[in-house]
Amino acid sequence: MLAYVFWHWKSSSLEDARYEELIRNFHASLAAAPPAGFVRSAAAAVEGARWAASGGRSYEEWYGTRGFADFDALNEGAVGPAHAAAHDAVARAAGGGTAGVYRLRRGEAGPGGVLFAHWFDKPAGMRYAELDRLLEPFTGPAAALWMRQMVLGPSPELCIRSAEPLALPDPLRPLILPLRPVWPPPRG
């Protein structure tokens, strides 16, 4: 699975609640009429991501696809007739954005329950096989390891998304960011 990850922040003139409503409207539109290749999406409010909004309040959106071949269809479909109004409304309200592409490396990319993002880079000199062994106890049904592809995007190379904060071992020094889910809406 590949994910297009988009960080964006609202223009200063808009209330948070209204901006989040626009985000939910767009994701609901995609869920109701999924573009070809689209698997699922999630959005969360986050603070402290230094690569987005200078570390201030931003929104982190994950758009899952089966692979690179699906990106073109997702890109076209997300702004096509079925989704143009919802997309354009949130795009007009945004103050800026940046993005990256991540591949699922370990664990399971479930649809919900992600409340923490652990961002880090592979330590210099460490082989990926060693990193995988180090992280094996931290990934599985409740936590997924994602790896940036082709050095696209300003964020760190790796991210473990999980329901709980993780105490990753040395020499990893993750930036642990709490996420407040915006989409999918909380159940209950």
C-alpha atoms as a PDB file:
ATOM      1  CA  MET A   1       0.000   0.000   0.000  1.00  0.00           C
ATOM      2  CA  LEU A   2       1.149   3.540  -0.803  1.00  0.00           C
ATOM      3  CA  ALA A   3      -0.178   6.697   0.785  1.00  0.00           C
ATOM      4  CA  TYR A   4      -0.166  10.248  -0.421  1.00  0.00           C
ATOM      5  CA  VAL A   5       0.294  12.299   2.767  1.00  0.00           C
ATOM      6  CA  PHE A   6      -0.763  15.932   2.646  1.00  0.00           C
ATOM      7  CA  TRP A   7      -0.151  18.457   5.411  1.00  0.00           C
ATOM      8  CA  HIS A   8      -2.011  21.739   5.174  1.00  0.00           C
ATOM      9  CA  TRP A   9      -3.102  24.605   7.350  1.00  0.00           C
ATOM     10  CA  LYS A  10      -6.033  26.950   7.228  1.00  0.00           C
ATOM     11  CA  SER A  11      -5.986  30.602   6.331  1.00  0.00           C
ATOM     12  CA  SER A  12      -5.974  32.805   9.409  1.00  0.00           C
ATOM     13  CA  SER A  13      -9.431  34.224   8.669  1.00  0.00           C
ATOM     14  CA  LEU A  14     -11.260  30.898   9.083  1.00  0.00           C
ATOM     15  CA  GLU A  15     -12.440  29.231  12.288  1.00  0.00           C
ATOM     16  CA  ASP A  16     -11.006  25.776  13.066  1.00  0.00           C
ATOM     17  CA  ALA A  17     -14.465  24.187  13.258  1.00  0.00           C
ATOM     18  CA  ARG A  18     -15.421  25.431   9.784  1.00  0.00           C
ATOM     19  CA  TYR A  19     -12.126  24.296   8.241  1.00  0.00           C
ATOM     20  CA  GLU A  20     -12.531  20.841   9.783  1.00  0.00           C
ATOM     21  CA  GLU A  21     -16.082  20.669   8.437  1.00  0.00           C
ATOM     22  CA  LEU A  22     -14.717  21.351   4.949  1.00  0.00           C
ATOM     23  CA  ILE A  23     -12.108  18.599   5.413  1.00  0.00           C
ATOM     24  CA  ARG A  24     -14.803  16.118   6.508  1.00  0.00           C
ATOM     25  CA  ASN A  25     -16.999  17.088   3.544  1.00  0.00           C
ATOM     26  CA  PHE A  26     -14.174  16.299   1.114  1.00  0.00           C
ATOM     27  CA  HIS A  27     -13.337  12.957   2.722  1.00  0.00           C
ATOM     28  CA  ALA A  28     -17.031  12.023   2.862  1.00  0.00           C
ATOM     29  CA  SER A  29     -17.274  12.810  -0.846  1.00  0.00           C
ATOM     30  CA  LEU A  30     -14.318  10.511  -1.605  1.00  0.00           C
ATOM     31  CA  ALA A  31     -15.804   7.746   0.563  1.00  0.00           C
ATOM     32  CA  ALA A  32     -19.181   8.028  -1.173  1.00  0.00           C
ATOM     33  CA  ALA A  33     -17.747   7.864  -4.708  1.00  0.00           C
ATOM     34  CA  PRO A  34     -14.155   6.539  -4.500  1.00  0.00           C
ATOM     35  CA  PRO A  35     -11.846   7.365  -7.412  1.00  0.00           C
ATOM     36  CA  ALA A  36     -10.164   4.395  -9.082  1.00  0.00           C
ATOM     37  CA  GLY A  37      -7.310   3.062  -6.974  1.00  0.00           C
ATOM     38  CA  PHE A  38      -8.415   4.853  -3.820  1.00  0.00           C
ATOM     39  CA  VAL A  39      -8.451   2.594  -0.743  1.00  0.00           C
ATOM     40  CA  ARG A  40      -9.264   4.901   2.197  1.00  0.00           C
ATOM     41  CA  SER A  41      -8.427   8.231   3.755  1.00  0.00           C
ATOM     42  CA  ALA A  42      -7.874   9.705   7.188  1.00  0.00           C
ATOM     43  CA  ALA A  43      -7.361  13.243   8.455  1.00  0.00           C
ATOM     44  CA  ALA A  44      -6.188  14.559  11.811  1.00  0.00           C
ATOM     45  CA  ALA A  45      -5.279  17.844  13.427  1.00  0.00           C
ATOM     46  CA  VAL A  46      -1.660  17.938  14.583  1.00  0.00           C
ATOM     47  CA  GLU A  47       0.699  20.425  16.202  1.00  0.00           C
ATOM     48  CA  GLY A  48       4.473  20.258  16.244  1.00  0.00           C
ATOM     49  CA  ALA A  49       5.172  18.937  12.726  1.00  0.00           C
ATOM     50  CA  ARG A  50       8.067  21.290  11.969  1.00  0.00           C
ATOM     51  CA  TRP A  51       7.657  20.744   8.200  1.00  0.00           C
ATOM     52  CA  ALA A  52       4.047  22.036   8.242  1.00  0.00           C
ATOM     53  CA  ALA A  53       2.840  25.480   9.307  1.00  0.00           C
ATOM     54  CA  SER A  54       6.221  26.072  11.011  1.00  0.00           C
ATOM     55  CA  GLY A  55       5.204  23.522  13.634  1.00  0.00           C
ATOM     56  CA  GLY A  56       1.872  25.208  14.405  1.00  0.00           C
ATOM     57  CA  ARG A  57      -1.596  23.718  13.933  1.00  0.00           C
ATOM     58  CA  SER A  58      -1.849  21.793  10.698  1.00  0.00           C
ATOM     59  CA  TYR A  59      -3.832  18.891   9.321  1.00  0.00           C
ATOM     60  CA  GLU A  60      -2.309  15.596   8.253  1.00  0.00           C
ATOM     61  CA  GLU A  61      -4.260  13.682   5.621  1.00  0.00           C
ATOM     62  CA  TRP A  62      -3.469  10.151   4.454  1.00  0.00           C
ATOM     63  CA  TYR A  63      -4.863   8.896   1.125  1.00  0.00           C
ATOM     64  CA  GLY A  64      -4.272   5.167   0.692  1.00  0.00           C
ATOM     65  CA  THR A  65      -3.784   3.566  -2.713  1.00  0.00           C
ATOM     66  CA  ARG A  66      -2.656   0.164  -3.922  1.00  0.00           C
ATOM     67  CA  GLY A  67       0.461   1.605  -5.589  1.00  0.00           C
ATOM     68  CA  PHE A  68       2.038   4.321  -7.742  1.00  0.00           C
ATOM     69  CA  ALA A  69      -0.122   3.402 -10.720  1.00  0.00           C
ATOM     70  CA  ASP A  70      -3.180   4.555  -8.745  1.00  0.00           C
ATOM     71  CA  PHE A  71      -1.855   8.047  -8.026  1.00  0.00           C
ATOM     72  CA  ASP A  72      -2.831   9.448 -11.403  1.00  0.00           C
ATOM     73  CA  ALA A  73      -6.415   8.223 -11.030  1.00  0.00           C
ATOM     74  CA  LEU A  74      -6.609   9.554  -7.468  1.00  0.00           C
ATOM     75  CA  ASN A  75      -5.175  12.921  -8.522  1.00  0.00           C
ATOM     76  CA  GLU A  76      -7.660  13.262 -11.385  1.00  0.00           C
ATOM     77  CA  GLY A  77     -10.610  11.812  -9.483  1.00  0.00           C
ATOM     78  CA  ALA A  78     -10.154  13.956  -6.350  1.00  0.00           C
ATOM     79  CA  VAL A  79     -10.695  17.136  -8.353  1.00  0.00           C
ATOM     80  CA  GLY A  80     -13.093  15.636 -10.908  1.00  0.00           C
ATOM     81  CA  PRO A  81     -16.809  16.425 -11.175  1.00  0.00           C
ATOM     82  CA  ALA A  82     -17.877  14.140  -8.293  1.00  0.00           C
ATOM     83  CA  HIS A  83     -15.548  15.854  -5.798  1.00  0.00           C
ATOM     84  CA  ALA A  84     -14.723  19.279  -7.259  1.00  0.00           C
ATOM     85  CA  ALA A  85     -17.026  21.338  -5.037  1.00  0.00           C
ATOM     86  CA  ALA A  86     -15.834  19.706  -1.786  1.00  0.00           C
ATOM     87  CA  HIS A  87     -12.175  19.788  -2.879  1.00  0.00           C
ATOM     88  CA  ASP A  88     -12.285  23.382  -4.061  1.00  0.00           C
ATOM     89  CA  ALA A  89     -13.981  24.598  -0.858  1.00  0.00           C
ATOM     90  CA  VAL A  90     -11.235  23.255   1.411  1.00  0.00           C
ATOM     91  CA  ALA A  91      -8.487  24.239  -1.058  1.00  0.00           C
ATOM     92  CA  ARG A  92      -9.726  27.855  -1.078  1.00  0.00           C
ATOM     93  CA  ALA A  93      -9.701  27.903   2.734  1.00  0.00           C
ATOM     94  CA  ALA A  94      -6.136  26.559   3.041  1.00  0.00           C
ATOM     95  CA  GLY A  95      -3.261  28.847   3.910  1.00  0.00           C
ATOM     96  CA  GLY A  96      -0.629  26.465   2.517  1.00  0.00           C
ATOM     97  CA  GLY A  97       0.457  22.867   2.276  1.00  0.00           C
ATOM     98  CA  THR A  98       3.173  20.313   1.627  1.00  0.00           C
ATOM     99  CA  ALA A  99       3.134  16.596   0.871  1.00  0.00           C
ATOM    100  CA  GLY A 100       5.000  13.302   0.676  1.00  0.00           C
ATOM    101  CA  VAL A 101       4.530   9.726  -0.493  1.00  0.00           C
ATOM    102  CA  TYR A 102       4.872   6.821   1.954  1.00  0.00           C
ATOM    103  CA  ARG A 103       4.879   3.037   1.506  1.00  0.00           C
ATOM    104  CA  LEU A 104       3.620   0.656   4.169  1.00  0.00           C
ATOM    105  CA  ARG A 105       6.751  -1.189   5.348  1.00  0.00           C
ATOM    106  CA  ARG A 106       5.500  -3.197   8.357  1.00  0.00           C
ATOM    107  CA  GLY A 107       2.291  -3.688  10.307  1.00  0.00           C
ATOM    108  CA  GLU A 108      -1.273  -3.124   9.231  1.00  0.00           C
ATOM    109  CA  ALA A 109      -2.798   0.054   7.895  1.00  0.00           C
ATOM    110  CA  GLY A 110      -6.195  -0.186   9.547  1.00  0.00           C
ATOM    111  CA  PRO A 111      -8.886   2.393   8.869  1.00  0.00           C
ATOM    112  CA  GLY A 112      -8.976   4.078  12.261  1.00  0.00           C
ATOM    113  CA  GLY A 113      -7.734   4.308  15.801  1.00  0.00           C
ATOM    114  CA  VAL A 114      -4.514   6.150  14.972  1.00  0.00           C
ATOM    115  CA  LEU A 115      -3.867   8.725  17.680  1.00  0.00           C
ATOM    116  CA  PHE A 116      -0.072   9.114  17.496  1.00  0.00           C
ATOM    117  CA  ALA A 117       2.495   9.613  14.756  1.00  0.00           C
ATOM    118  CA  HIS A 118       6.128   8.808  15.572  1.00  0.00           C
ATOM    119  CA  TRP A 119       8.330  10.557  12.977  1.00  0.00           C
ATOM    120  CA  PHE A 120      12.029   9.693  12.701  1.00  0.00           C
ATOM    121  CA  ASP A 121      14.904   9.052  10.328  1.00  0.00           C
ATOM    122  CA  LYS A 122      16.915   5.850  10.048  1.00  0.00           C
ATOM    123  CA  PRO A 123      20.140   6.328  12.005  1.00  0.00           C
ATOM    124  CA  ALA A 124      23.204   6.840   9.809  1.00  0.00           C
ATOM    125  CA  GLY A 125      24.979   3.567   9.094  1.00  0.00           C
ATOM    126  CA  MET A 126      22.047   1.375  10.145  1.00  0.00           C
ATOM    127  CA  ARG A 127      20.880  -1.110   7.525  1.00  0.00           C
ATOM    128  CA  TYR A 128      17.172  -1.450   6.837  1.00  0.00           C
ATOM    129  CA  ALA A 129      17.244  -5.123   7.917  1.00  0.00           C
ATOM    130  CA  GLU A 130      18.584  -4.024  11.319  1.00  0.00           C
ATOM    131  CA  LEU A 131      15.935  -1.294  11.553  1.00  0.00           C
ATOM    132  CA  ASP A 132      13.217  -3.840  10.754  1.00  0.00           C
ATOM    133  CA  ARG A 133      14.440  -6.164  13.532  1.00  0.00           C
ATOM    134  CA  LEU A 134      14.572  -3.254  15.973  1.00  0.00           C
ATOM    135  CA  LEU A 135      11.008  -2.177  15.125  1.00  0.00           C
ATOM    136  CA  GLU A 136       9.395  -5.613  14.834  1.00  0.00           C
ATOM    137  CA  PRO A 137       7.999  -5.548  18.406  1.00  0.00           C
ATOM    138  CA  PHE A 138       6.452  -2.136  17.761  1.00  0.00           C
ATOM    139  CA  THR A 139       4.475  -2.921  14.606  1.00  0.00           C
ATOM    140  CA  GLY A 140       1.540  -5.220  13.921  1.00  0.00           C
ATOM    141  CA  PRO A 141      -2.247  -4.919  14.043  1.00  0.00           C
ATOM    142  CA  ALA A 142      -2.156  -1.773  16.213  1.00  0.00           C
ATOM    143  CA  ALA A 143       0.797   0.057  14.646  1.00  0.00           C
ATOM    144  CA  ALA A 144       2.070   0.508  11.093  1.00  0.00           C
ATOM    145  CA  LEU A 145       5.513   1.594   9.900  1.00  0.00           C
ATOM    146  CA  TRP A 146       5.527   3.810   6.821  1.00  0.00           C
ATOM    147  CA  MET A 147       8.610   4.785   4.796  1.00  0.00           C
ATOM    148  CA  ARG A 148       8.975   7.850   2.569  1.00  0.00           C
ATOM    149  CA  GLN A 149       9.454   7.015  -1.092  1.00  0.00           C
ATOM    150  CA  MET A 150      11.872   8.630  -3.529  1.00  0.00           C
ATOM    151  CA  VAL A 151      12.721  11.336  -0.957  1.00  0.00           C
ATOM    152  CA  LEU A 152       9.475  13.101  -1.758  1.00  0.00           C
ATOM    153  CA  GLY A 153       8.422  15.587   0.870  1.00  0.00           C
ATOM    154  CA  PRO A 154      10.038  17.516   3.713  1.00  0.00           C
ATOM    155  CA  SER A 155       9.055  15.198   6.559  1.00  0.00           C
ATOM    156  CA  PRO A 156      11.280  12.563   8.180  1.00  0.00           C
ATOM    157  CA  GLU A 157      11.862   9.275   6.371  1.00  0.00           C
ATOM    158  CA  LEU A 158       9.832   7.013   8.667  1.00  0.00           C
ATOM    159  CA  CYS A 159       6.597   7.139  10.614  1.00  0.00           C
ATOM    160  CA  ILE A 160       4.931   4.669  12.927  1.00  0.00           C
ATOM    161  CA  ARG A 161       1.227   5.432  13.248  1.00  0.00           C
ATOM    162  CA  SER A 162      -0.362   3.873  16.312  1.00  0.00           C
ATOM    163  CA  ALA A 163      -3.198   4.021  18.811  1.00  0.00           C
ATOM    164  CA  GLU A 164      -0.802   4.527  21.743  1.00  0.00           C
ATOM    165  CA  PRO A 165       2.484   6.413  22.187  1.00  0.00           C
ATOM    166  CA  LEU A 166       5.436   4.058  21.755  1.00  0.00           C
ATOM    167  CA  ALA A 167       8.752   4.097  23.629  1.00  0.00           C
ATOM    168  CA  LEU A 168      10.984   3.320  20.647  1.00  0.00           C
ATOM    169  CA  PRO A 169      14.467   2.037  21.510  1.00  0.00           C
ATOM    170  CA  ASP A 170      17.784   3.834  21.113  1.00  0.00           C
ATOM    171  CA  PRO A 171      19.170   5.067  18.816  1.00  0.00           C
ATOM    172  CA  LEU A 172      15.763   6.115  17.451  1.00  0.00           C
ATOM    173  CA  ARG A 173      14.648   9.524  18.577  1.00  0.00           C
ATOM    174  CA  PRO A 174      11.157  10.016  17.233  1.00  0.00           C
ATOM    175  CA  LEU A 175       9.170  13.199  17.221  1.00  0.00           C
ATOM    176  CA  ILE A 176       5.924  11.903  18.765  1.00  0.00           C
ATOM    177  CA  LEU A 177       2.908  13.886  17.646  1.00  0.00           C
ATOM    178  CA  PRO A 178      -0.556  13.359  19.145  1.00  0.00           C
ATOM    179  CA  LEU A 179      -3.252  13.305  16.472  1.00  0.00           C
ATOM    180  CA  ARG A 180      -6.829  14.516  16.900  1.00  0.00           C
ATOM    181  CA  PRO A 181      -8.914  12.629  14.345  1.00  0.00           C
ATOM    182  CA  VAL A 182     -11.034  14.706  11.983  1.00  0.00           C
ATOM    183  CA  TRP A 183     -11.870  11.902   9.496  1.00  0.00           C
ATOM    184  CA  PRO A 184     -13.221   9.293   9.760  1.00  0.00           C
ATOM    185  CA  PRO A 185     -15.613  10.724  12.343  1.00  0.00           C
ATOM    186  CA  PRO A 186     -15.343   9.167  15.802  1.00  0.00           C
ATOM    187  CA  ARG A 187     -17.780   6.308  16.429  1.00  0.00           C
ATOM    188  CA  GLY A 188     -20.275   6.371  19.243  1.00  0.00           C
END
